[in-house]
Protein backbone atom coordinates (compact mmCIF):
# COMPACT_ATOMS: atom_id res chain seq x y z
CA UNK A 1 81.11 96.08 34.93
CA UNK A 2 78.23 96.68 32.56
CA UNK A 3 75.06 98.37 33.70
CA UNK A 4 72.27 97.92 34.59
CA UNK A 5 72.96 95.47 37.43
CA UNK A 6 69.98 93.68 39.02
CA UNK A 7 69.55 92.35 42.54
CA UNK A 8 66.12 90.66 42.54
CA UNK A 9 63.86 89.54 45.40
CA UNK A 10 65.91 90.09 48.56
CA UNK A 11 63.68 89.04 51.47
CA UNK A 12 63.36 91.82 54.06
CA UNK A 13 60.68 90.63 56.49
CA UNK A 14 57.18 89.01 56.51
CA UNK A 15 57.17 88.15 52.76
CA UNK A 16 58.25 91.69 51.79
CA UNK A 17 60.99 91.67 49.15
CA UNK A 18 63.24 94.36 47.68
CA UNK A 19 64.45 94.26 44.07
CA UNK A 20 67.18 96.77 43.18
CA UNK A 21 68.51 97.86 39.81
CA UNK A 22 71.67 99.95 39.58
CA UNK A 23 72.06 101.88 36.34
CA UNK A 24 73.98 104.84 34.94
CA UNK A 25 71.96 108.06 34.55
CA UNK A 26 73.74 111.24 33.38
CA UNK A 27 77.10 109.65 34.21
CA UNK A 28 76.09 108.72 37.79
CA UNK A 29 75.26 105.38 39.37
CA UNK A 30 71.60 105.40 40.43
CA UNK A 31 69.68 102.72 42.33
CA UNK A 32 65.99 102.04 41.97
CA UNK A 33 64.53 99.72 44.60
CA UNK A 34 61.05 98.26 44.24
CA UNK A 35 59.34 96.79 47.31
CA UNK A 36 56.82 93.98 46.76
CA UNK A 37 54.73 91.57 48.76
CA UNK A 38 52.08 88.95 47.99
CA UNK A 39 49.54 91.75 48.61
CA UNK A 40 51.05 93.73 45.70
CA UNK A 41 53.44 96.58 44.97
CA UNK A 42 54.39 98.57 48.05
CA UNK A 43 56.39 101.26 46.27
CA UNK A 44 59.67 102.34 44.68
CA UNK A 45 62.59 104.45 45.93
CA UNK A 46 65.32 105.92 43.70
CA UNK A 47 68.63 107.04 45.19
CA UNK A 48 71.79 108.60 43.71
CA UNK A 49 74.95 110.42 44.85
CA UNK A 50 72.83 113.61 44.77
CA UNK A 51 70.24 112.10 47.14
CA UNK A 52 71.92 109.06 48.74
CA UNK A 53 69.56 108.59 51.70
CA UNK A 54 65.82 108.46 52.32
CA UNK A 55 64.32 108.20 55.81
CA UNK A 56 60.98 107.66 57.51
CA UNK A 57 58.99 106.32 54.55
CA UNK A 58 55.78 104.32 54.94
CA UNK A 59 54.63 102.07 52.08
CA UNK A 60 51.37 100.09 52.05
CA UNK A 61 49.68 97.34 50.05
CA UNK A 62 46.32 96.29 51.42
CA UNK A 63 46.77 96.03 55.20
CA UNK A 64 50.48 95.25 54.98
CA UNK A 65 52.78 98.13 55.98
CA UNK A 66 56.49 98.62 55.36
CA UNK A 67 58.16 101.28 57.51
CA UNK A 68 61.57 102.25 56.13
CA UNK A 69 63.63 103.94 58.84
CA UNK A 70 66.54 104.49 56.46
CA UNK A 71 67.62 103.39 53.00
CA UNK A 72 71.13 104.39 51.95
CA UNK A 73 73.01 104.35 48.63
CA UNK A 74 76.80 104.26 48.25
CA UNK A 75 78.15 104.44 44.69
CA UNK A 76 81.01 102.15 43.67
CA UNK A 77 84.14 104.22 43.10
CA UNK A 78 87.67 102.98 42.56
CA UNK A 79 88.27 100.14 45.03
CA UNK A 80 85.19 100.98 47.10
CA UNK A 81 82.21 98.67 46.51
CA UNK A 82 78.79 100.15 45.95
CA UNK A 83 75.94 99.13 48.19
CA UNK A 84 72.34 99.79 49.10
CA UNK A 85 71.31 99.14 52.71
CA UNK A 86 67.84 99.32 54.19
CA UNK A 87 66.46 99.18 57.73
CA UNK A 88 62.99 99.41 59.19
CA UNK A 89 60.08 97.10 59.97
CA UNK A 90 57.21 95.37 58.23
CA UNK A 91 53.91 93.81 59.19
CA UNK A 92 52.30 90.64 57.92
CA UNK A 93 49.54 90.81 55.29
CA UNK A 94 46.91 91.43 58.00
CA UNK A 95 48.78 94.50 59.28
CA UNK A 96 49.93 92.68 62.44
CA UNK A 97 53.13 91.19 63.86
CA UNK A 98 55.51 93.98 62.91
CA UNK A 99 59.11 92.76 62.78
CA UNK A 100 62.34 94.75 62.35
CA UNK A 101 64.97 94.23 59.65
CA UNK A 102 68.35 95.64 58.68
CA UNK A 103 69.79 94.35 55.40
CA UNK A 104 72.27 95.00 52.66
CA UNK A 105 70.03 94.64 49.60
CA UNK A 106 72.64 95.24 46.86
CA UNK A 107 76.42 95.29 46.50
CA UNK A 108 78.56 95.76 43.37
CA UNK A 109 82.01 96.79 42.16
CA UNK A 110 83.22 98.73 39.14
């Protein structure tokens, strides 16, 4: 497989999308996930084998809020597929109607 690998616009909840790019940095697979909504950029999270998990992150754009309970990175190695999974909740653009999600937002093999 050649890097970088892109996984654009995976719908999480309430028009919030996640776009992930997996690249090689210093010989390691690294994922960078950007969270967007119609209200704008919510934020970006970078994970690697050194820091494979991030928890309890709040991202905002306007009144819309994305609560990430956990985002996890697993590098592809040998016969094991790589993946990025994310769980949490997100509101609508008015900051209301929070809804939960749990998704695999990227998967790849070597």
